[in-house]
């Protein structure tokens, strides 16, 4: 199984509200590294994908962020295009179950860290 984690707001807290493509300054979300280690130990492929992923500087910044937080990025994948993952974990998404949401419903979606 392949899990794809969004970087800003899933791996990081998203506190800064956005940074340049080559700067990753937010701290990790509590439990991130344990989750990733457990997933990999159980045979999952874990990819990190973001709006940053289309630029080599963005990928390098994400890899460096993991390294700076004491986690070896070599066990992760950093694709430049959206991977064919089994599950996507994103801070602001809608789970499609066959019925189209109203646009009002989509406008009301908030990222978890802005609900606090």
PDB file of N, CA and C in Angstrom:
ATOM      1  N   UNK A   1       0.842  -1.166   0.000  1.00  0.00           N
ATOM      2  CA  UNK A   1       0.000   0.000   0.000  1.00  0.00           C
ATOM      3  C   UNK A   1       0.896   1.241   0.000  1.00  0.00           C
ATOM      4  N   UNK A   2       0.418   2.264  -0.636  1.00  0.00           N
ATOM      5  CA  UNK A   2       1.189   3.491  -0.826  1.00  0.00           C
ATOM      6  C   UNK A   2       0.436   4.648  -0.169  1.00  0.00           C
ATOM      7  N   UNK A   3       1.073   5.304   0.790  1.00  0.00           N
ATOM      8  CA  UNK A   3       0.481   6.451   1.475  1.00  0.00           C
ATOM      9  C   UNK A   3       1.187   7.711   0.997  1.00  0.00           C
ATOM     10  N   UNK A   4       0.402   8.722   0.640  1.00  0.00           N
ATOM     11  CA  UNK A   4       0.969   9.994   0.225  1.00  0.00           C
ATOM     12  C   UNK A   4       0.566  11.062   1.239  1.00  0.00           C
ATOM     13  N   UNK A   5       1.564  11.684   1.873  1.00  0.00           N
ATOM     14  CA  UNK A   5       1.318  12.731   2.854  1.00  0.00           C
ATOM     15  C   UNK A   5       1.601  14.095   2.244  1.00  0.00           C
ATOM     16  N   UNK A   6       0.661  15.003   2.409  1.00  0.00           N
ATOM     17  CA  UNK A   6       0.932  16.382   2.025  1.00  0.00           C
ATOM     18  C   UNK A   6       1.965  16.932   3.003  1.00  0.00           C
ATOM     19  N   UNK A   7       2.813  17.814   2.554  1.00  0.00           N
ATOM     20  CA  UNK A   7       3.877  18.312   3.432  1.00  0.00           C
ATOM     21  C   UNK A   7       3.363  19.399   4.374  1.00  0.00           C
ATOM     22  N   UNK A   8       2.935  20.532   3.822  1.00  0.00           N
ATOM     23  CA  UNK A   8       2.497  21.659   4.642  1.00  0.00           C
ATOM     24  C   UNK A   8       1.119  21.371   5.239  1.00  0.00           C
ATOM     25  N   UNK A   9       1.056  21.289   6.549  1.00  0.00           N
ATOM     26  CA  UNK A   9      -0.219  21.059   7.221  1.00  0.00           C
ATOM     27  C   UNK A   9      -0.483  19.609   7.574  1.00  0.00           C
ATOM     28  N   UNK A  10       0.346  18.690   7.106  1.00  0.00           N
ATOM     29  CA  UNK A  10       0.254  17.280   7.510  1.00  0.00           C
ATOM     30  C   UNK A  10       1.572  16.886   8.182  1.00  0.00           C
ATOM     31  N   UNK A  11       2.669  17.062   7.458  1.00  0.00           N
ATOM     32  CA  UNK A  11       3.978  16.813   8.077  1.00  0.00           C
ATOM     33  C   UNK A  11       4.338  17.977   8.990  1.00  0.00           C
ATOM     34  N   UNK A  12       4.054  19.190   8.543  1.00  0.00           N
ATOM     35  CA  UNK A  12       4.326  20.384   9.341  1.00  0.00           C
ATOM     36  C   UNK A  12       3.021  20.926   9.911  1.00  0.00           C
ATOM     37  N   UNK A  13       3.141  21.805  10.890  1.00  0.00           N
ATOM     38  CA  UNK A  13       1.960  22.381  11.535  1.00  0.00           C
ATOM     39  C   UNK A  13       1.257  23.426  10.679  1.00  0.00           C
ATOM     40  N   UNK A  14       1.919  23.958   9.686  1.00  0.00           N
ATOM     41  CA  UNK A  14       1.304  24.974   8.837  1.00  0.00           C
ATOM     42  C   UNK A  14       1.161  26.333   9.508  1.00  0.00           C
ATOM     43  N   UNK A  15       1.831  26.518  10.633  1.00  0.00           N
ATOM     44  CA  UNK A  15       1.704  27.739  11.424  1.00  0.00           C
ATOM     45  C   UNK A  15       2.071  29.011  10.680  1.00  0.00           C
ATOM     46  N   UNK A  16       3.059  28.938   9.796  1.00  0.00           N
ATOM     47  CA  UNK A  16       3.550  30.146   9.127  1.00  0.00           C
ATOM     48  C   UNK A  16       2.561  30.681   8.102  1.00  0.00           C
ATOM     49  N   UNK A  17       1.649  29.833   7.660  1.00  0.00           N
ATOM     50  CA  UNK A  17       0.684  30.275   6.658  1.00  0.00           C
ATOM     51  C   UNK A  17       1.237  30.313   5.249  1.00  0.00           C
ATOM     52  N   UNK A  18       2.415  29.827   5.061  1.00  0.00           N
ATOM     53  CA  UNK A  18       3.003  29.775   3.727  1.00  0.00           C
ATOM     54  C   UNK A  18       4.376  30.412   3.695  1.00  0.00           C
ATOM     55  N   UNK A  19       5.270  29.780   2.998  1.00  0.00           N
ATOM     56  CA  UNK A  19       6.642  30.261   2.868  1.00  0.00           C
ATOM     57  C   UNK A  19       7.069  30.090   1.422  1.00  0.00           C
ATOM     58  N   UNK A  20       8.197  30.700   1.039  1.00  0.00           N
ATOM     59  CA  UNK A  20       8.707  30.468  -0.319  1.00  0.00           C
ATOM     60  C   UNK A  20       8.977  28.980  -0.548  1.00  0.00           C
ATOM     61  N   UNK A  21       9.000  28.599  -1.788  1.00  0.00           N
ATOM     62  CA  UNK A  21       9.123  27.189  -2.176  1.00  0.00           C
ATOM     63  C   UNK A  21      10.355  26.519  -1.579  1.00  0.00           C
ATOM     64  N   UNK A  22      11.416  27.267  -1.365  1.00  0.00           N
ATOM     65  CA  UNK A  22      12.678  26.695  -0.879  1.00  0.00           C
ATOM     66  C   UNK A  22      12.862  26.828   0.634  1.00  0.00           C
ATOM     67  N   UNK A  23      11.831  27.294   1.358  1.00  0.00           N
ATOM     68  CA  UNK A  23      11.946  27.452   2.808  1.00  0.00           C
ATOM     69  C   UNK A  23      10.849  26.672   3.517  1.00  0.00           C
ATOM     70  N   UNK A  24      11.234  25.815   4.425  1.00  0.00           N
ATOM     71  CA  UNK A  24      10.291  25.040   5.229  1.00  0.00           C
ATOM     72  C   UNK A  24      10.610  25.350   6.684  1.00  0.00           C
ATOM     73  N   UNK A  25       9.780  26.164   7.324  1.00  0.00           N
ATOM     74  CA  UNK A  25      10.113  26.658   8.661  1.00  0.00           C
ATOM     75  C   UNK A  25       9.210  26.124   9.764  1.00  0.00           C
ATOM     76  N   UNK A  26       8.066  25.569   9.429  1.00  0.00           N
ATOM     77  CA  UNK A  26       7.137  25.121  10.460  1.00  0.00           C
ATOM     78  C   UNK A  26       7.626  23.845  11.143  1.00  0.00           C
ATOM     79  N   UNK A  27       7.285  23.679  12.424  1.00  0.00           N
ATOM     80  CA  UNK A  27       7.681  22.458  13.135  1.00  0.00           C
ATOM     81  C   UNK A  27       6.855  21.252  12.681  1.00  0.00           C
ATOM     82  N   UNK A  28       7.337  20.051  12.997  1.00  0.00           N
ATOM     83  CA  UNK A  28       6.586  18.842  12.637  1.00  0.00           C
ATOM     84  C   UNK A  28       5.326  18.688  13.485  1.00  0.00           C
ATOM     85  N   UNK A  29       4.328  18.060  12.916  1.00  0.00           N
ATOM     86  CA  UNK A  29       3.124  17.698  13.658  1.00  0.00           C
ATOM     87  C   UNK A  29       3.503  16.564  14.610  1.00  0.00           C
ATOM     88  N   UNK A  30       3.050  16.655  15.833  1.00  0.00           N
ATOM     89  CA  UNK A  30       3.345  15.633  16.838  1.00  0.00           C
ATOM     90  C   UNK A  30       2.919  14.255  16.313  1.00  0.00           C
ATOM     91  N   UNK A  31       3.815  13.298  16.410  1.00  0.00           N
ATOM     92  CA  UNK A  31       3.529  11.930  16.017  1.00  0.00           C
ATOM     93  C   UNK A  31       3.879  11.587  14.574  1.00  0.00           C
ATOM     94  N   UNK A  32       4.287  12.584  13.789  1.00  0.00           N
ATOM     95  CA  UNK A  32       4.602  12.348  12.373  1.00  0.00           C
ATOM     96  C   UNK A  32       5.641  11.249  12.193  1.00  0.00           C
ATOM     97  N   UNK A  33       6.779  11.393  12.851  1.00  0.00           N
ATOM     98  CA  UNK A  33       7.887  10.468  12.601  1.00  0.00           C
ATOM     99  C   UNK A  33       7.556   9.053  13.066  1.00  0.00           C
ATOM    100  N   UNK A  34       6.865   8.945  14.170  1.00  0.00           N
ATOM    101  CA  UNK A  34       6.443   7.626  14.647  1.00  0.00           C
ATOM    102  C   UNK A  34       5.478   6.983  13.656  1.00  0.00           C
ATOM    103  N   UNK A  35       4.533   7.775  13.136  1.00  0.00           N
ATOM    104  CA  UNK A  35       3.583   7.262  12.148  1.00  0.00           C
ATOM    105  C   UNK A  35       4.313   6.757  10.905  1.00  0.00           C
ATOM    106  N   UNK A  36       5.233   7.571  10.396  1.00  0.00           N
ATOM    107  CA  UNK A  36       5.958   7.205   9.171  1.00  0.00           C
ATOM    108  C   UNK A  36       6.814   5.959   9.415  1.00  0.00           C
ATOM    109  N   UNK A  37       7.517   5.910  10.534  1.00  0.00           N
ATOM    110  CA  UNK A  37       8.337   4.734  10.847  1.00  0.00           C
ATOM    111  C   UNK A  37       7.493   3.471  10.940  1.00  0.00           C
ATOM    112  N   UNK A  38       6.343   3.560  11.606  1.00  0.00           N
ATOM    113  CA  UNK A  38       5.451   2.401  11.722  1.00  0.00           C
ATOM    114  C   UNK A  38       4.921   1.969  10.363  1.00  0.00           C
ATOM    115  N   UNK A  39       4.548   2.931   9.538  1.00  0.00           N
ATOM    116  CA  UNK A  39       4.032   2.600   8.204  1.00  0.00           C
ATOM    117  C   UNK A  39       5.091   1.881   7.378  1.00  0.00           C
ATOM    118  N   UNK A  40       6.290   2.389   7.378  1.00  0.00           N
ATOM    119  CA  UNK A  40       7.370   1.778   6.604  1.00  0.00           C
ATOM    120  C   UNK A  40       7.708   0.396   7.161  1.00  0.00           C
ATOM    121  N   UNK A  41       7.741   0.279   8.472  1.00  0.00           N
ATOM    122  CA  UNK A  41       8.009  -1.020   9.107  1.00  0.00           C
ATOM    123  C   UNK A  41       6.966  -2.056   8.692  1.00  0.00           C
ATOM    124  N   UNK A  42       5.738  -1.612   8.473  1.00  0.00           N
ATOM    125  CA  UNK A  42       4.668  -2.530   8.085  1.00  0.00           C
ATOM    126  C   UNK A  42       4.561  -2.710   6.568  1.00  0.00           C
ATOM    127  N   UNK A  43       5.537  -2.196   5.825  1.00  0.00           N
ATOM    128  CA  UNK A  43       5.600  -2.442   4.395  1.00  0.00           C
ATOM    129  C   UNK A  43       4.962  -1.386   3.510  1.00  0.00           C
ATOM    130  N   UNK A  44       4.528  -0.277   4.075  1.00  0.00           N
ATOM    131  CA  UNK A  44       3.947   0.792   3.273  1.00  0.00           C
ATOM    132  C   UNK A  44       5.043   1.588   2.575  1.00  0.00           C
ATOM    133  N   UNK A  45       4.736   2.089   1.415  1.00  0.00           N
ATOM    134  CA  UNK A  45       5.562   3.095   0.748  1.00  0.00           C
ATOM    135  C   UNK A  45       4.998   4.430   1.207  1.00  0.00           C
ATOM    136  N   UNK A  46       5.860   5.355   1.613  1.00  0.00           N
ATOM    137  CA  UNK A  46       5.401   6.666   2.052  1.00  0.00           C
ATOM    138  C   UNK A  46       6.013   7.731   1.146  1.00  0.00           C
ATOM    139  N   UNK A  47       5.127   8.497   0.513  1.00  0.00           N
ATOM    140  CA  UNK A  47       5.553   9.613  -0.333  1.00  0.00           C
ATOM    141  C   UNK A  47       5.171  10.922   0.331  1.00  0.00           C
ATOM    142  N   UNK A  48       6.000  11.922   0.108  1.00  0.00           N
ATOM    143  CA  UNK A  48       5.721  13.279   0.547  1.00  0.00           C
ATOM    144  C   UNK A  48       5.487  14.083  -0.720  1.00  0.00           C
ATOM    145  N   UNK A  49       4.301  14.696  -0.797  1.00  0.00           N
ATOM    146  CA  UNK A  49       3.945  15.449  -2.003  1.00  0.00           C
ATOM    147  C   UNK A  49       3.344  16.778  -1.584  1.00  0.00           C
ATOM    148  N   UNK A  50       3.632  17.809  -2.337  1.00  0.00           N
ATOM    149  CA  UNK A  50       3.232  19.160  -1.970  1.00  0.00           C
ATOM    150  C   UNK A  50       3.163  20.044  -3.200  1.00  0.00           C
ATOM    151  N   UNK A  51       2.646  21.239  -2.993  1.00  0.00           N
ATOM    152  CA  UNK A  51       2.725  22.240  -4.060  1.00  0.00           C
ATOM    153  C   UNK A  51       4.193  22.522  -4.377  1.00  0.00           C
ATOM    154  N   UNK A  52       5.081  22.217  -3.466  1.00  0.00           N
ATOM    155  CA  UNK A  52       6.515  22.411  -3.654  1.00  0.00           C
ATOM    156  C   UNK A  52       7.141  21.375  -4.596  1.00  0.00           C
ATOM    157  N   UNK A  53       6.450  20.257  -4.795  1.00  0.00           N
ATOM    158  CA  UNK A  53       7.045  19.088  -5.453  1.00  0.00           C
ATOM    159  C   UNK A  53       7.394  19.284  -6.924  1.00  0.00           C
ATOM    160  N   UNK A  54       6.806  20.245  -7.572  1.00  0.00           N
ATOM    161  CA  UNK A  54       7.087  20.460  -8.988  1.00  0.00           C
ATOM    162  C   UNK A  54       8.393  21.187  -9.256  1.00  0.00           C
ATOM    163  N   UNK A  55       9.071  21.602  -8.201  1.00  0.00           N
ATOM    164  CA  UNK A  55      10.310  22.356  -8.339  1.00  0.00           C
ATOM    165  C   UNK A  55      11.404  21.619  -7.553  1.00  0.00           C
ATOM    166  N   UNK A  56      12.542  21.354  -8.168  1.00  0.00           N
ATOM    167  CA  UNK A  56      13.623  20.651  -7.457  1.00  0.00           C
ATOM    168  C   UNK A  56      14.027  21.351  -6.152  1.00  0.00           C
ATOM    169  N   UNK A  57      13.935  22.690  -6.104  1.00  0.00           N
ATOM    170  CA  UNK A  57      14.269  23.414  -4.871  1.00  0.00           C
ATOM    171  C   UNK A  57      13.276  23.077  -3.760  1.00  0.00           C
ATOM    172  N   UNK A  58      12.018  22.871  -4.122  1.00  0.00           N
ATOM    173  CA  UNK A  58      11.003  22.509  -3.148  1.00  0.00           C
ATOM    174  C   UNK A  58      11.234  21.115  -2.593  1.00  0.00           C
ATOM    175  N   UNK A  59      11.555  20.181  -3.474  1.00  0.00           N
ATOM    176  CA  UNK A  59      11.843  18.815  -3.028  1.00  0.00           C
ATOM    177  C   UNK A  59      13.063  18.802  -2.112  1.00  0.00           C
ATOM    178  N   UNK A  60      14.092  19.529  -2.496  1.00  0.00           N
ATOM    179  CA  UNK A  60      15.296  19.582  -1.670  1.00  0.00           C
ATOM    180  C   UNK A  60      14.998  20.219  -0.313  1.00  0.00           C
ATOM    181  N   UNK A  61      14.158  21.250  -0.285  1.00  0.00           N
ATOM    182  CA  UNK A  61      13.796  21.907   0.976  1.00  0.00           C
ATOM    183  C   UNK A  61      13.046  20.938   1.892  1.00  0.00           C
ATOM    184  N   UNK A  62      12.157  20.137   1.336  1.00  0.00           N
ATOM    185  CA  UNK A  62      11.416  19.169   2.154  1.00  0.00           C
ATOM    186  C   UNK A  62      12.351  18.089   2.688  1.00  0.00           C
ATOM    187  N   UNK A  63      13.228  17.589   1.833  1.00  0.00           N
ATOM    188  CA  UNK A  63      14.197  16.577   2.269  1.00  0.00           C
ATOM    189  C   UNK A  63      15.075  17.131   3.404  1.00  0.00           C
ATOM    190  N   UNK A  64      15.545  18.362   3.248  1.00  0.00           N
ATOM    191  CA  UNK A  64      16.382  19.005   4.256  1.00  0.00           C
ATOM    192  C   UNK A  64      15.605  19.199   5.558  1.00  0.00           C
ATOM    193  N   UNK A  65      14.318  19.543   5.456  1.00  0.00           N
ATOM    194  CA  UNK A  65      13.476  19.717   6.648  1.00  0.00           C
ATOM    195  C   UNK A  65      13.435  18.425   7.461  1.00  0.00           C
ATOM    196  N   UNK A  66      13.217  17.288   6.791  1.00  0.00           N
ATOM    197  CA  UNK A  66      13.202  16.002   7.496  1.00  0.00           C
ATOM    198  C   UNK A  66      14.556  15.756   8.166  1.00  0.00           C
ATOM    199  N   UNK A  67      15.620  15.996   7.444  1.00  0.00           N
ATOM    200  CA  UNK A  67      16.964  15.797   7.979  1.00  0.00           C
ATOM    201  C   UNK A  67      17.213  16.705   9.188  1.00  0.00           C
ATOM    202  N   UNK A  68      16.807  17.956   9.108  1.00  0.00           N
ATOM    203  CA  UNK A  68      17.001  18.902  10.210  1.00  0.00           C
ATOM    204  C   UNK A  68      16.220  18.496  11.458  1.00  0.00           C
ATOM    205  N   UNK A  69      15.174  17.713  11.277  1.00  0.00           N
ATOM    206  CA  UNK A  69      14.382  17.251  12.416  1.00  0.00           C
ATOM    207  C   UNK A  69      14.762  15.834  12.837  1.00  0.00           C
ATOM    208  N   UNK A  70      15.943  15.375  12.368  1.00  0.00           N
ATOM    209  CA  UNK A  70      16.489  14.112  12.823  1.00  0.00           C
ATOM    210  C   UNK A  70      15.894  12.879  12.176  1.00  0.00           C
ATOM    211  N   UNK A  71      15.257  13.042  11.013  1.00  0.00           N
ATOM    212  CA  UNK A  71      14.630  11.911  10.336  1.00  0.00           C
ATOM    213  C   UNK A  71      15.291  11.715   8.982  1.00  0.00           C
ATOM    214  N   UNK A  72      15.723  10.513   8.695  1.00  0.00           N
ATOM    215  CA  UNK A  72      16.389  10.219   7.425  1.00  0.00           C
ATOM    216  C   UNK A  72      15.397  10.252   6.269  1.00  0.00           C
ATOM    217  N   UNK A  73      15.533  11.217   5.362  1.00  0.00           N
ATOM    218  CA  UNK A  73      14.589  11.315   4.256  1.00  0.00           C
ATOM    219  C   UNK A  73      14.772  10.228   3.195  1.00  0.00           C
ATOM    220  N   UNK A  74      15.867   9.481   3.268  1.00  0.00           N
ATOM    221  CA  UNK A  74      16.159   8.466   2.249  1.00  0.00           C
ATOM    222  C   UNK A  74      15.143   7.330   2.226  1.00  0.00           C
ATOM    223  N   UNK A  75      14.393   7.148   3.314  1.00  0.00           N
ATOM    224  CA  UNK A  75      13.404   6.067   3.338  1.00  0.00           C
ATOM    225  C   UNK A  75      12.044   6.522   2.812  1.00  0.00           C
ATOM    226  N   UNK A  76      11.967   7.792   2.390  1.00  0.00           N
ATOM    227  CA  UNK A  76      10.729   8.353   1.849  1.00  0.00           C
ATOM    228  C   UNK A  76      10.873   8.596   0.359  1.00  0.00           C
ATOM    229  N   UNK A  77       9.737   8.708  -0.307  1.00  0.00           N
ATOM    230  CA  UNK A  77       9.745   9.108  -1.711  1.00  0.00           C
ATOM    231  C   UNK A  77       9.301  10.563  -1.790  1.00  0.00           C
ATOM    232  N   UNK A  78       9.903  11.308  -2.699  1.00  0.00           N
ATOM    233  CA  UNK A  78       9.563  12.704  -2.933  1.00  0.00           C
ATOM    234  C   UNK A  78       9.291  12.878  -4.435  1.00  0.00           C
ATOM    235  N   UNK A  79       8.130  12.428  -4.911  1.00  0.00           N
ATOM    236  CA  UNK A  79       7.834  12.505  -6.337  1.00  0.00           C
ATOM    237  C   UNK A  79       7.602  13.952  -6.783  1.00  0.00           C
ATOM    238  N   UNK A  80       7.868  14.218  -8.049  1.00  0.00           N
ATOM    239  CA  UNK A  80       7.653  15.563  -8.588  1.00  0.00           C
ATOM    240  C   UNK A  80       6.244  15.717  -9.158  1.00  0.00           C
ATOM    241  N   UNK A  81       5.538  14.603  -9.326  1.00  0.00           N
ATOM    242  CA  UNK A  81       4.140  14.635  -9.765  1.00  0.00           C
ATOM    243  C   UNK A  81       3.322  13.764  -8.814  1.00  0.00           C
ATOM    244  N   UNK A  82       2.032  13.991  -8.784  1.00  0.00           N
ATOM    245  CA  UNK A  82       1.163  13.262  -7.860  1.00  0.00           C
ATOM    246  C   UNK A  82       1.297  11.750  -8.086  1.00  0.00           C
ATOM    247  N   UNK A  83       1.657  11.020  -7.041  1.00  0.00           N
ATOM    248  CA  UNK A  83       1.878   9.584  -7.204  1.00  0.00           C
ATOM    249  C   UNK A  83       0.559   8.794  -7.203  1.00  0.00           C
ATOM    250  N   UNK A  84       0.586   7.572  -7.702  1.00  0.00           N
ATOM    251  CA  UNK A  84      -0.615   6.722  -7.692  1.00  0.00           C
ATOM    252  C   UNK A  84      -0.778   6.029  -6.333  1.00  0.00           C
ATOM    253  N   UNK A  85      -0.965   6.826  -5.295  1.00  0.00           N
ATOM    254  CA  UNK A  85      -1.047   6.283  -3.936  1.00  0.00           C
ATOM    255  C   UNK A  85      -2.405   5.654  -3.661  1.00  0.00           C
ATOM    256  N   UNK A  86      -2.445   4.789  -2.680  1.00  0.00           N
ATOM    257  CA  UNK A  86      -3.693   4.170  -2.222  1.00  0.00           C
ATOM    258  C   UNK A  86      -4.478   5.120  -1.338  1.00  0.00           C
ATOM    259  N   UNK A  87      -3.758   5.938  -0.576  1.00  0.00           N
ATOM    260  CA  UNK A  87      -4.376   6.873   0.362  1.00  0.00           C
ATOM    261  C   UNK A  87      -3.620   8.194   0.316  1.00  0.00           C
ATOM    262  N   UNK A  88      -4.375   9.294   0.292  1.00  0.00           N
ATOM    263  CA  UNK A  88      -3.794  10.630   0.361  1.00  0.00           C
ATOM    264  C   UNK A  88      -4.212  11.260   1.683  1.00  0.00           C
ATOM    265  N   UNK A  89      -3.251  11.813   2.401  1.00  0.00           N
ATOM    266  CA  UNK A  89      -3.541  12.500   3.656  1.00  0.00           C
ATOM    267  C   UNK A  89      -3.252  13.979   3.415  1.00  0.00           C
ATOM    268  N   UNK A  90      -4.308  14.790   3.500  1.00  0.00           N
ATOM    269  CA  UNK A  90      -4.218  16.200   3.168  1.00  0.00           C
ATOM    270  C   UNK A  90      -4.990  16.991   4.212  1.00  0.00           C
ATOM    271  N   UNK A  91      -4.519  18.192   4.572  1.00  0.00           N
ATOM    272  CA  UNK A  91      -5.219  18.930   5.624  1.00  0.00           C
ATOM    273  C   UNK A  91      -6.548  19.541   5.192  1.00  0.00           C
ATOM    274  N   UNK A  92      -6.745  19.686   3.904  1.00  0.00           N
ATOM    275  CA  UNK A  92      -7.988  20.314   3.440  1.00  0.00           C
ATOM    276  C   UNK A  92      -8.477  19.545   2.218  1.00  0.00           C
ATOM    277  N   UNK A  93      -9.309  18.570   2.477  1.00  0.00           N
ATOM    278  CA  UNK A  93      -9.812  17.775   1.367  1.00  0.00           C
ATOM    279  C   UNK A  93     -11.245  17.364   1.644  1.00  0.00           C
ATOM    280  N   UNK A  94     -11.875  16.862   0.626  1.00  0.00           N
ATOM    281  CA  UNK A  94     -13.245  16.378   0.731  1.00  0.00           C
ATOM    282  C   UNK A  94     -13.235  14.930   0.284  1.00  0.00           C
ATOM    283  N   UNK A  95     -13.808  14.074   1.076  1.00  0.00           N
ATOM    284  CA  UNK A  95     -13.866  12.662   0.703  1.00  0.00           C
ATOM    285  C   UNK A  95     -15.061  12.445  -0.205  1.00  0.00           C
ATOM    286  N   UNK A  96     -14.783  12.167  -1.456  1.00  0.00           N
ATOM    287  CA  UNK A  96     -15.839  11.956  -2.438  1.00  0.00           C
ATOM    288  C   UNK A  96     -16.393  10.553  -2.294  1.00  0.00           C
ATOM    289  N   UNK A  97     -17.714  10.457  -2.120  1.00  0.00           N
ATOM    290  CA  UNK A  97     -18.364   9.161  -1.953  1.00  0.00           C
ATOM    291  C   UNK A  97     -19.501   8.964  -2.948  1.00  0.00           C
ATOM    292  N   UNK A  98     -19.372   9.603  -4.106  1.00  0.00           N
ATOM    293  CA  UNK A  98     -20.353   9.413  -5.162  1.00  0.00           C
ATOM    294  C   UNK A  98     -21.373  10.532  -5.292  1.00  0.00           C
ATOM    295  N   UNK A  99     -21.518  11.340  -4.265  1.00  0.00           N
ATOM    296  CA  UNK A  99     -22.445  12.471  -4.305  1.00  0.00           C
ATOM    297  C   UNK A  99     -21.641  13.764  -4.306  1.00  0.00           C
ATOM    298  N   UNK A 100     -21.973  14.648  -5.235  1.00  0.00           N
ATOM    299  CA  UNK A 100     -21.239  15.902  -5.339  1.00  0.00           C
ATOM    300  C   UNK A 100     -21.601  16.833  -4.201  1.00  0.00           C
ATOM    301  N   UNK A 101     -20.593  17.452  -3.583  1.00  0.00           N
ATOM    302  CA  UNK A 101     -20.868  18.397  -2.497  1.00  0.00           C
ATOM    303  C   UNK A 101     -21.386  19.713  -3.070  1.00  0.00           C
ATOM    304  N   UNK A 102     -22.019  20.490  -2.230  1.00  0.00           N
ATOM    305  CA  UNK A 102     -22.396  21.833  -2.661  1.00  0.00           C
ATOM    306  C   UNK A 102     -21.136  22.692  -2.630  1.00  0.00           C
ATOM    307  N   UNK A 103     -21.137  23.737  -3.428  1.00  0.00           N
ATOM    308  CA  UNK A 103     -19.981  24.642  -3.418  1.00  0.00           C
ATOM    309  C   UNK A 103     -19.879  25.345  -2.068  1.00  0.00           C
ATOM    310  N   UNK A 104     -21.014  25.589  -1.440  1.00  0.00           N
ATOM    311  CA  UNK A 104     -21.016  26.195  -0.112  1.00  0.00           C
ATOM    312  C   UNK A 104     -20.278  25.280   0.871  1.00  0.00           C
ATOM    313  N   UNK A 105     -20.559  23.983   0.789  1.00  0.00           N
ATOM    314  CA  UNK A 105     -19.912  23.005   1.661  1.00  0.00           C
ATOM    315  C   UNK A 105     -18.395  23.028   1.463  1.00  0.00           C
ATOM    316  N   UNK A 106     -17.950  23.125   0.205  1.00  0.00           N
ATOM    317  CA  UNK A 106     -16.515  23.153  -0.078  1.00  0.00           C
ATOM    318  C   UNK A 106     -15.875  24.444   0.429  1.00  0.00           C
ATOM    319  N   UNK A 107     -16.598  25.550   0.306  1.00  0.00           N
ATOM    320  CA  UNK A 107     -16.069  26.824   0.803  1.00  0.00           C
ATOM    321  C   UNK A 107     -15.878  26.814   2.312  1.00  0.00           C
ATOM    322  N   UNK A 108     -16.651  26.020   3.019  1.00  0.00           N
ATOM    323  CA  UNK A 108     -16.590  25.975   4.473  1.00  0.00           C
ATOM    324  C   UNK A 108     -15.472  25.082   5.017  1.00  0.00           C
ATOM    325  N   UNK A 109     -14.819  24.305   4.138  1.00  0.00           N
ATOM    326  CA  UNK A 109     -13.730  23.439   4.593  1.00  0.00           C
ATOM    327  C   UNK A 109     -12.605  24.282   5.176  1.00  0.00           C
ATOM    328  N   UNK A 110     -12.132  23.884   6.328  1.00  0.00           N
ATOM    329  CA  UNK A 110     -11.026  24.581   6.993  1.00  0.00           C
ATOM    330  C   UNK A 110      -9.923  23.576   7.298  1.00  0.00           C
ATOM    331  N   UNK A 111      -8.700  24.056   7.252  1.00  0.00           N
ATOM    332  CA  UNK A 111      -7.585  23.204   7.629  1.00  0.00           C
ATOM    333  C   UNK A 111      -7.598  23.027   9.131  1.00  0.00           C
ATOM    334  N   UNK A 112      -7.140  21.884   9.610  1.00  0.00           N
ATOM    335  CA  UNK A 112      -7.226  21.552  11.028  1.00  0.00           C
ATOM    336  C   UNK A 112      -6.555  22.574  11.916  1.00  0.00           C
ATOM    337  N   UNK A 113      -5.432  23.139  11.481  1.00  0.00           N
ATOM    338  CA  UNK A 113      -4.690  24.035  12.356  1.00  0.00           C
ATOM    339  C   UNK A 113      -5.310  25.436  12.444  1.00  0.00           C
ATOM    340  N   UNK A 114      -6.299  25.738  11.613  1.00  0.00           N
ATOM    341  CA  UNK A 114      -7.019  27.002  11.739  1.00  0.00           C
ATOM    342  C   UNK A 114      -8.300  26.846  12.538  1.00  0.00           C
ATOM    343  N   UNK A 115      -8.634  25.633  12.902  1.00  0.00           N
ATOM    344  CA  UNK A 115      -9.819  25.379  13.723  1.00  0.00           C
ATOM    345  C   UNK A 115      -9.508  25.527  15.202  1.00  0.00           C
ATOM    346  N   UNK A 116      -8.229  25.467  15.557  1.00  0.00           N
ATOM    347  CA  UNK A 116      -7.822  25.472  16.956  1.00  0.00           C
ATOM    348  C   UNK A 116      -7.988  26.843  17.587  1.00  0.00           C
TER     349      UNK A 116
END
